[in-house]
Structures are given as structure tokens and as C-alpha cells.
Amino acid sequence: MDEIDQSILIQLQENARISMTELGKKIGLSTPATNERVKKLKDKGVIKGYRAIIDPKKLDKDVTAFILIDTKQGKKFREFCKEHPVVVECHRLAGQYSYLVKVVTESVNILEEFIDATLPFGEPSTLIKLSSVVEYKPLTNCVLENGYI
């Protein structure tokens, strides 16, 4: 990965809907060369996909919480999280807790129902989000051969 690839990644994280022509102008390459670079980044798995960022509040989902849980039933808990509609992220952890789960719900009542549903797996510790200082920050400090950008 060179500085041009790094620039491509920064631009795409800021605006994944940018045209290849506009992206090429920003990074100093022709449209075909830009297309080829982006294709190679996709083929290597560096670019995994493109997504829309949705504002949960616009969908009346005003409660975001993070639940930490230590469980000895990892496989069952992972399946539970994959299938539960309020779970938007689930991460395996090292340390005191086994998993960190992010849930987004319409109400504290639904959050409480989710917490109750996790009890068979272990004792949950719940943190409710009040506000976000950094909600999304592009990954811009990928290591290059000669250091960081």
C-alpha cells in the first residue's frame, strides 16, 4: 500500500459515493487508473464494502446502550446476538468480559427486555449512551512503508 492507496482510502471513507473521475482528480490519477486502484483494494479485502450511515433518532430509536457480558456459553450467545433485532454490533473481548454488545432501541423498556434475555448467558453490565463525542472517524493513519500519513 502506497500513499496513493492511502489517499484513496481517506477519500472513500469521507464520501463513498464519490465518482471515480472526481476521486481521480483529488488523488492525481486518471479515471481508469483510479478504477484499477480501487478494484485492487477491493480484491485484497482492504475495502470490504460500502454502507449508508443511518441516524437512529430519525427512526425513533433514541436509546443506545453497550452491554458487557462474561459468558461460558460463547457459541449460544453469539447466535443469540446475531438473531436479536436490537443488536447492531457484537465484539469478542479479552479481559474481564467476554463480549461487548451495542444495542439500539426505541425505549428503555425494550433495552430492559434485552438485558433480561441475556441473563441466562451471564451477568450483564449495561452502559447507556448519553451523547457521542466521536461517532464516526475515518481510519486515516494506516501504516505506510515509510511511516504514517
N, C-alpha and C. Protein backbone atom coordinates (compact mmCIF):
# COMPACT_ATOMS: atom_id res chain seq x y z
N MET A 1 0.85 -1.17 0.00
CA MET A 1 0.00 0.00 0.00
C MET A 1 0.89 1.24 0.00
N ASP A 2 0.64 2.11 -0.94
CA ASP A 2 1.45 3.32 -1.03
C ASP A 2 0.59 4.54 -0.66
N GLU A 3 1.17 5.72 -0.82
CA GLU A 3 0.47 6.95 -0.44
C GLU A 3 -0.78 7.20 -1.29
N ILE A 4 -0.76 6.77 -2.54
CA ILE A 4 -1.95 6.94 -3.39
C ILE A 4 -3.09 6.07 -2.87
N ASP A 5 -2.79 4.80 -2.54
CA ASP A 5 -3.81 3.93 -1.96
C ASP A 5 -4.36 4.52 -0.67
N GLN A 6 -3.46 5.04 0.14
CA GLN A 6 -3.87 5.68 1.40
C GLN A 6 -4.81 6.85 1.12
N SER A 7 -4.48 7.67 0.14
CA SER A 7 -5.34 8.80 -0.21
C SER A 7 -6.71 8.33 -0.70
N ILE A 8 -6.72 7.27 -1.48
CA ILE A 8 -7.98 6.70 -1.94
C ILE A 8 -8.84 6.28 -0.75
N LEU A 9 -8.24 5.59 0.20
CA LEU A 9 -8.98 5.12 1.38
C LEU A 9 -9.55 6.30 2.18
N ILE A 10 -8.75 7.33 2.34
CA ILE A 10 -9.22 8.51 3.09
C ILE A 10 -10.41 9.14 2.37
N GLN A 11 -10.29 9.32 1.07
CA GLN A 11 -11.37 9.95 0.30
C GLN A 11 -12.65 9.10 0.33
N LEU A 12 -12.51 7.79 0.16
CA LEU A 12 -13.70 6.92 0.14
C LEU A 12 -14.38 6.84 1.50
N GLN A 13 -13.61 6.94 2.57
CA GLN A 13 -14.22 6.95 3.90
C GLN A 13 -15.00 8.24 4.13
N GLU A 14 -14.52 9.31 3.56
CA GLU A 14 -15.23 10.59 3.69
C GLU A 14 -16.48 10.63 2.82
N ASN A 15 -16.40 10.02 1.62
CA ASN A 15 -17.53 10.05 0.69
C ASN A 15 -17.43 8.84 -0.23
N ALA A 16 -18.09 7.75 0.14
CA ALA A 16 -18.03 6.52 -0.65
C ALA A 16 -18.79 6.64 -1.97
N ARG A 17 -19.59 7.69 -2.13
CA ARG A 17 -20.36 7.88 -3.36
C ARG A 17 -19.65 8.77 -4.37
N ILE A 18 -18.42 9.13 -4.07
CA ILE A 18 -17.65 9.98 -4.98
C ILE A 18 -17.45 9.23 -6.31
N SER A 19 -17.53 9.94 -7.41
CA SER A 19 -17.30 9.30 -8.71
C SER A 19 -15.80 9.01 -8.86
N MET A 20 -15.50 8.03 -9.68
CA MET A 20 -14.10 7.69 -9.92
C MET A 20 -13.37 8.84 -10.60
N THR A 21 -14.09 9.62 -11.40
CA THR A 21 -13.48 10.80 -12.04
C THR A 21 -13.08 11.83 -11.00
N GLU A 22 -14.00 12.13 -10.08
CA GLU A 22 -13.72 13.11 -9.02
C GLU A 22 -12.63 12.59 -8.08
N LEU A 23 -12.70 11.32 -7.75
CA LEU A 23 -11.67 10.73 -6.89
C LEU A 23 -10.31 10.83 -7.56
N GLY A 24 -10.27 10.52 -8.85
CA GLY A 24 -9.01 10.63 -9.60
C GLY A 24 -8.44 12.03 -9.56
N LYS A 25 -9.30 13.04 -9.69
CA LYS A 25 -8.84 14.44 -9.62
C LYS A 25 -8.23 14.74 -8.26
N LYS A 26 -8.86 14.25 -7.21
CA LYS A 26 -8.39 14.53 -5.85
C LYS A 26 -7.04 13.87 -5.55
N ILE A 27 -6.80 12.71 -6.15
CA ILE A 27 -5.56 11.99 -5.85
C ILE A 27 -4.52 12.10 -6.96
N GLY A 28 -4.89 12.75 -8.07
CA GLY A 28 -3.93 12.99 -9.14
C GLY A 28 -3.73 11.83 -10.09
N LEU A 29 -4.79 11.04 -10.33
CA LEU A 29 -4.70 9.93 -11.28
C LEU A 29 -5.83 10.04 -12.30
N SER A 30 -5.66 9.36 -13.42
CA SER A 30 -6.73 9.28 -14.42
C SER A 30 -7.87 8.42 -13.88
N THR A 31 -9.04 8.53 -14.50
CA THR A 31 -10.18 7.72 -14.08
C THR A 31 -9.89 6.22 -14.19
N PRO A 32 -9.34 5.74 -15.32
CA PRO A 32 -9.05 4.30 -15.41
C PRO A 32 -8.04 3.83 -14.35
N ALA A 33 -7.01 4.64 -14.10
CA ALA A 33 -6.02 4.26 -13.08
C ALA A 33 -6.65 4.24 -11.70
N THR A 34 -7.53 5.18 -11.43
CA THR A 34 -8.23 5.22 -10.14
C THR A 34 -9.12 3.99 -10.00
N ASN A 35 -9.87 3.67 -11.06
CA ASN A 35 -10.72 2.47 -11.04
C ASN A 35 -9.90 1.23 -10.73
N GLU A 36 -8.75 1.10 -11.37
CA GLU A 36 -7.90 -0.06 -11.17
C GLU A 36 -7.39 -0.14 -9.73
N ARG A 37 -6.98 1.00 -9.18
CA ARG A 37 -6.52 1.03 -7.78
C ARG A 37 -7.63 0.60 -6.82
N VAL A 38 -8.82 1.16 -7.02
CA VAL A 38 -9.96 0.82 -6.15
C VAL A 38 -10.29 -0.66 -6.29
N LYS A 39 -10.28 -1.18 -7.50
CA LYS A 39 -10.56 -2.61 -7.73
C LYS A 39 -9.55 -3.48 -6.99
N LYS A 40 -8.27 -3.12 -7.05
CA LYS A 40 -7.24 -3.90 -6.35
C LYS A 40 -7.45 -3.85 -4.83
N LEU A 41 -7.83 -2.69 -4.31
CA LEU A 41 -8.10 -2.58 -2.87
C LEU A 41 -9.29 -3.44 -2.47
N LYS A 42 -10.29 -3.53 -3.34
CA LYS A 42 -11.44 -4.41 -3.09
C LYS A 42 -11.01 -5.87 -3.15
N ASP A 43 -10.24 -6.23 -4.19
CA ASP A 43 -9.80 -7.62 -4.37
C ASP A 43 -8.95 -8.10 -3.20
N LYS A 44 -8.14 -7.20 -2.64
CA LYS A 44 -7.29 -7.55 -1.49
C LYS A 44 -8.09 -7.60 -0.18
N GLY A 45 -9.34 -7.14 -0.20
CA GLY A 45 -10.16 -7.14 1.01
C GLY A 45 -9.93 -5.92 1.88
N VAL A 46 -9.14 -4.96 1.41
CA VAL A 46 -8.94 -3.73 2.19
C VAL A 46 -10.25 -2.95 2.26
N ILE A 47 -10.93 -2.84 1.12
CA ILE A 47 -12.26 -2.23 1.07
C ILE A 47 -13.24 -3.40 1.14
N LYS A 48 -13.98 -3.47 2.25
CA LYS A 48 -14.90 -4.58 2.47
C LYS A 48 -16.29 -4.30 1.91
N GLY A 49 -16.66 -3.03 1.76
CA GLY A 49 -17.98 -2.71 1.26
C GLY A 49 -18.30 -1.25 1.48
N TYR A 50 -19.51 -0.88 1.13
CA TYR A 50 -19.99 0.49 1.27
C TYR A 50 -21.33 0.45 1.99
N ARG A 51 -21.56 1.43 2.88
CA ARG A 51 -22.79 1.44 3.66
C ARG A 51 -23.32 2.85 3.81
N ALA A 52 -24.62 2.92 4.03
CA ALA A 52 -25.24 4.19 4.40
C ALA A 52 -25.19 4.31 5.92
N ILE A 53 -24.91 5.49 6.42
CA ILE A 53 -24.93 5.73 7.87
C ILE A 53 -26.30 6.32 8.20
N ILE A 54 -27.05 5.58 9.00
CA ILE A 54 -28.43 5.94 9.34
C ILE A 54 -28.46 6.59 10.72
N ASP A 55 -29.25 7.64 10.87
CA ASP A 55 -29.43 8.29 12.16
C ASP A 55 -30.56 7.56 12.90
N PRO A 56 -30.23 6.80 13.96
CA PRO A 56 -31.26 6.03 14.67
C PRO A 56 -32.40 6.90 15.20
N LYS A 57 -32.09 8.12 15.61
CA LYS A 57 -33.13 9.00 16.15
C LYS A 57 -34.21 9.31 15.11
N LYS A 58 -33.84 9.36 13.83
CA LYS A 58 -34.82 9.60 12.76
C LYS A 58 -35.76 8.42 12.59
N LEU A 59 -35.38 7.27 13.16
CA LEU A 59 -36.23 6.07 13.13
C LEU A 59 -36.85 5.81 14.50
N ASP A 60 -36.85 6.87 15.35
CA ASP A 60 -37.40 6.79 16.71
C ASP A 60 -36.69 5.76 17.58
N LYS A 61 -35.43 5.55 17.33
CA LYS A 61 -34.61 4.66 18.17
C LYS A 61 -33.67 5.56 18.97
N ASP A 62 -34.17 5.99 20.12
CA ASP A 62 -33.48 7.00 20.92
C ASP A 62 -32.53 6.45 21.99
N VAL A 63 -32.53 5.14 22.19
CA VAL A 63 -31.71 4.55 23.25
C VAL A 63 -30.61 3.69 22.64
N THR A 64 -29.37 4.06 22.93
CA THR A 64 -28.21 3.26 22.54
C THR A 64 -27.51 2.85 23.82
N ALA A 65 -27.20 1.56 23.91
CA ALA A 65 -26.54 1.05 25.11
C ALA A 65 -25.46 0.06 24.71
N PHE A 66 -24.49 -0.08 25.60
CA PHE A 66 -23.42 -1.05 25.44
C PHE A 66 -23.52 -2.01 26.61
N ILE A 67 -23.57 -3.29 26.31
CA ILE A 67 -23.70 -4.30 27.35
C ILE A 67 -22.44 -5.15 27.34
N LEU A 68 -21.81 -5.22 28.49
CA LEU A 68 -20.65 -6.09 28.69
C LEU A 68 -21.15 -7.36 29.36
N ILE A 69 -20.69 -8.51 28.87
CA ILE A 69 -21.13 -9.76 29.48
C ILE A 69 -20.00 -10.78 29.48
N ASP A 70 -19.88 -11.48 30.59
CA ASP A 70 -18.94 -12.59 30.69
C ASP A 70 -19.77 -13.85 30.60
N THR A 71 -19.48 -14.70 29.65
CA THR A 71 -20.27 -15.91 29.47
C THR A 71 -19.39 -17.10 29.18
N LYS A 72 -19.85 -18.25 29.60
CA LYS A 72 -19.18 -19.51 29.27
C LYS A 72 -19.90 -20.19 28.11
N GLN A 73 -20.95 -19.55 27.61
CA GLN A 73 -21.76 -20.09 26.52
C GLN A 73 -21.57 -19.26 25.25
N GLY A 74 -20.31 -19.09 24.85
CA GLY A 74 -19.98 -18.21 23.74
C GLY A 74 -20.74 -18.48 22.46
N LYS A 75 -20.78 -19.73 22.02
CA LYS A 75 -21.44 -20.05 20.76
C LYS A 75 -22.93 -19.70 20.82
N LYS A 76 -23.60 -20.08 21.89
CA LYS A 76 -25.03 -19.78 22.03
C LYS A 76 -25.26 -18.27 22.12
N PHE A 77 -24.37 -17.58 22.83
CA PHE A 77 -24.52 -16.13 22.98
C PHE A 77 -24.32 -15.43 21.64
N ARG A 78 -23.33 -15.86 20.86
CA ARG A 78 -23.11 -15.27 19.54
C ARG A 78 -24.34 -15.45 18.64
N GLU A 79 -24.92 -16.64 18.66
CA GLU A 79 -26.12 -16.90 17.86
C GLU A 79 -27.29 -16.03 18.33
N PHE A 80 -27.43 -15.91 19.65
CA PHE A 80 -28.46 -15.04 20.23
C PHE A 80 -28.31 -13.61 19.70
N CYS A 81 -27.08 -13.09 19.72
CA CYS A 81 -26.83 -11.72 19.26
C CYS A 81 -27.07 -11.57 17.77
N LYS A 82 -26.65 -12.54 16.98
CA LYS A 82 -26.84 -12.47 15.53
C LYS A 82 -28.32 -12.39 15.17
N GLU A 83 -29.17 -13.03 15.96
CA GLU A 83 -30.59 -13.10 15.63
C GLU A 83 -31.44 -12.04 16.32
N HIS A 84 -30.92 -11.40 17.36
CA HIS A 84 -31.74 -10.43 18.09
C HIS A 84 -31.81 -9.10 17.33
N PRO A 85 -33.01 -8.56 17.12
CA PRO A 85 -33.15 -7.36 16.27
C PRO A 85 -32.56 -6.07 16.82
N VAL A 86 -32.35 -5.94 18.13
CA VAL A 86 -31.81 -4.68 18.66
C VAL A 86 -30.29 -4.65 18.66
N VAL A 87 -29.64 -5.79 18.40
CA VAL A 87 -28.18 -5.85 18.40
C VAL A 87 -27.65 -5.32 17.07
N VAL A 88 -26.80 -4.29 17.13
CA VAL A 88 -26.19 -3.75 15.92
C VAL A 88 -24.70 -4.08 15.84
N GLU A 89 -24.08 -4.43 16.96
CA GLU A 89 -22.68 -4.86 16.99
C GLU A 89 -22.49 -5.84 18.13
N CYS A 90 -21.58 -6.79 17.93
CA CYS A 90 -21.19 -7.72 19.00
C CYS A 90 -19.72 -8.02 18.79
N HIS A 91 -18.93 -7.77 19.83
CA HIS A 91 -17.48 -7.93 19.74
C HIS A 91 -16.99 -8.89 20.83
N ARG A 92 -16.14 -9.84 20.46
CA ARG A 92 -15.48 -10.73 21.41
C ARG A 92 -14.32 -9.96 22.03
N LEU A 93 -14.16 -10.07 23.35
CA LEU A 93 -13.14 -9.31 24.06
C LEU A 93 -12.16 -10.21 24.79
N ALA A 94 -11.00 -9.66 25.09
CA ALA A 94 -10.06 -10.27 26.02
C ALA A 94 -10.17 -9.46 27.31
N GLY A 95 -10.03 -10.12 28.43
CA GLY A 95 -10.11 -9.39 29.70
C GLY A 95 -11.25 -9.88 30.56
N GLN A 96 -11.77 -9.00 31.41
CA GLN A 96 -12.79 -9.36 32.39
C GLN A 96 -14.09 -9.84 31.74
N TYR A 97 -14.47 -9.24 30.62
CA TYR A 97 -15.71 -9.58 29.95
C TYR A 97 -15.43 -10.34 28.65
N SER A 98 -16.38 -11.19 28.27
CA SER A 98 -16.24 -11.98 27.04
C SER A 98 -16.70 -11.22 25.80
N TYR A 99 -17.76 -10.41 25.97
CA TYR A 99 -18.37 -9.74 24.82
C TYR A 99 -18.79 -8.32 25.16
N LEU A 100 -18.76 -7.47 24.14
CA LEU A 100 -19.31 -6.12 24.19
C LEU A 100 -20.38 -6.07 23.11
N VAL A 101 -21.61 -5.74 23.50
CA VAL A 101 -22.74 -5.72 22.57
C VAL A 101 -23.29 -4.30 22.53
N LYS A 102 -23.49 -3.79 21.32
CA LYS A 102 -24.12 -2.48 21.14
C LYS A 102 -25.55 -2.73 20.68
N VAL A 103 -26.49 -2.12 21.42
CA VAL A 103 -27.89 -2.24 21.06
C VAL A 103 -28.49 -0.86 20.82
N VAL A 104 -29.44 -0.79 19.91
CA VAL A 104 -30.15 0.45 19.61
C VAL A 104 -31.64 0.12 19.67
N THR A 105 -32.37 0.84 20.53
CA THR A 105 -33.79 0.53 20.74
C THR A 105 -34.64 1.79 20.77
N GLU A 106 -35.95 1.56 20.75
CA GLU A 106 -36.91 2.66 20.81
C GLU A 106 -37.08 3.17 22.24
N SER A 107 -36.82 2.29 23.23
CA SER A 107 -37.13 2.68 24.61
C SER A 107 -36.27 1.93 25.61
N VAL A 108 -36.27 2.44 26.82
CA VAL A 108 -35.58 1.78 27.92
C VAL A 108 -36.29 0.45 28.23
N ASN A 109 -37.59 0.39 28.04
CA ASN A 109 -38.33 -0.86 28.28
C ASN A 109 -37.82 -1.98 27.37
N ILE A 110 -37.59 -1.67 26.10
CA ILE A 110 -37.07 -2.68 25.18
C ILE A 110 -35.65 -3.05 25.56
N LEU A 111 -34.85 -2.07 25.99
CA LEU A 111 -33.50 -2.35 26.47
C LEU A 111 -33.56 -3.30 27.66
N GLU A 112 -34.47 -3.03 28.58
CA GLU A 112 -34.61 -3.89 29.76
C GLU A 112 -34.99 -5.31 29.37
N GLU A 113 -35.87 -5.46 28.38
CA GLU A 113 -36.24 -6.79 27.89
C GLU A 113 -35.03 -7.51 27.31
N PHE A 114 -34.20 -6.76 26.57
CA PHE A 114 -32.99 -7.37 26.02
C PHE A 114 -32.06 -7.82 27.15
N ILE A 115 -31.85 -6.95 28.12
CA ILE A 115 -30.98 -7.30 29.25
C ILE A 115 -31.49 -8.56 29.94
N ASP A 116 -32.81 -8.62 30.18
CA ASP A 116 -33.40 -9.81 30.81
C ASP A 116 -33.13 -11.06 29.96
N ALA A 117 -33.19 -10.92 28.65
CA ALA A 117 -32.95 -12.05 27.76
C ALA A 117 -31.51 -12.52 27.78
N THR A 118 -30.57 -11.65 28.19
CA THR A 118 -29.16 -12.06 28.26
C THR A 118 -28.82 -12.78 29.56
N LEU A 119 -29.67 -12.69 30.57
CA LEU A 119 -29.37 -13.26 31.89
C LEU A 119 -29.02 -14.75 31.87
N PRO A 120 -29.63 -15.58 31.04
CA PRO A 120 -29.22 -16.99 31.02
C PRO A 120 -27.77 -17.20 30.57
N PHE A 121 -27.18 -16.22 29.92
CA PHE A 121 -25.82 -16.36 29.41
C PHE A 121 -24.76 -15.90 30.42
N GLY A 122 -25.13 -15.03 31.36
CA GLY A 122 -24.20 -14.48 32.32
C GLY A 122 -24.74 -13.18 32.87
N GLU A 123 -23.95 -12.52 33.70
CA GLU A 123 -24.41 -11.27 34.31
C GLU A 123 -23.99 -10.09 33.45
N PRO A 124 -24.97 -9.35 32.91
CA PRO A 124 -24.63 -8.21 32.05
C PRO A 124 -24.31 -6.96 32.86
N SER A 125 -23.48 -6.13 32.31
CA SER A 125 -23.21 -4.80 32.84
C SER A 125 -23.55 -3.82 31.73
N THR A 126 -24.50 -2.92 31.99
CA THR A 126 -25.05 -2.07 30.94
C THR A 126 -24.61 -0.63 31.09
N LEU A 127 -24.22 -0.03 29.98
CA LEU A 127 -23.84 1.37 29.91
C LEU A 127 -24.74 2.03 28.88
N ILE A 128 -25.45 3.08 29.27
CA ILE A 128 -26.35 3.77 28.35
C ILE A 128 -25.64 5.01 27.82
N LYS A 129 -25.68 5.18 26.50
CA LYS A 129 -25.04 6.32 25.85
C LYS A 129 -25.86 7.58 26.12
N LEU A 130 -25.18 8.63 26.57
CA LEU A 130 -25.82 9.94 26.74
C LEU A 130 -25.63 10.80 25.51
N SER A 131 -24.40 10.84 25.01
CA SER A 131 -24.10 11.59 23.79
C SER A 131 -22.82 10.99 23.19
N SER A 132 -22.50 11.43 21.99
CA SER A 132 -21.30 10.93 21.31
C SER A 132 -20.38 12.09 20.96
N VAL A 133 -19.15 11.99 21.41
CA VAL A 133 -18.14 13.00 21.08
C VAL A 133 -17.57 12.71 19.69
N VAL A 134 -17.29 11.44 19.43
CA VAL A 134 -16.83 10.99 18.12
C VAL A 134 -17.72 9.82 17.75
N GLU A 135 -18.55 10.00 16.74
CA GLU A 135 -19.46 8.93 16.35
C GLU A 135 -18.90 8.10 15.20
N TYR A 136 -18.24 8.75 14.31
CA TYR A 136 -17.58 8.05 13.21
C TYR A 136 -16.34 8.84 12.84
N LYS A 137 -15.24 8.17 12.83
CA LYS A 137 -13.98 8.82 12.48
C LYS A 137 -13.27 7.92 11.48
N PRO A 138 -13.00 8.41 10.28
CA PRO A 138 -12.34 7.57 9.28
C PRO A 138 -10.96 7.11 9.75
N LEU A 139 -10.62 5.91 9.36
CA LEU A 139 -9.29 5.37 9.63
C LEU A 139 -8.33 6.04 8.67
N THR A 140 -7.48 6.93 9.17
CA THR A 140 -6.60 7.68 8.29
C THR A 140 -5.13 7.46 8.58
N ASN A 141 -4.81 6.72 9.60
CA ASN A 141 -3.40 6.57 9.96
C ASN A 141 -2.89 5.16 9.67
N CYS A 142 -3.27 4.64 8.50
CA CYS A 142 -2.75 3.33 8.10
C CYS A 142 -1.24 3.43 7.92
N VAL A 143 -0.56 2.37 8.27
CA VAL A 143 0.90 2.37 8.18
C VAL A 143 1.33 2.24 6.72
N LEU A 144 2.21 3.11 6.32
CA LEU A 144 2.85 3.02 5.03
C LEU A 144 4.26 2.52 5.25
N GLU A 145 4.93 2.17 4.18
CA GLU A 145 6.30 1.69 4.30
C GLU A 145 7.20 2.69 5.00
N ASN A 146 6.95 3.98 4.77
CA ASN A 146 7.82 5.00 5.37
C ASN A 146 7.18 5.71 6.57
N GLY A 147 6.17 5.09 7.20
CA GLY A 147 5.58 5.69 8.38
C GLY A 147 4.10 5.97 8.21
N TYR A 148 3.61 6.95 8.96
CA TYR A 148 2.19 7.30 8.93
C TYR A 148 1.95 8.53 8.07
N ILE A 149 0.74 8.64 7.54
CA ILE A 149 0.35 9.86 6.84
C ILE A 149 -0.15 10.83 7.87
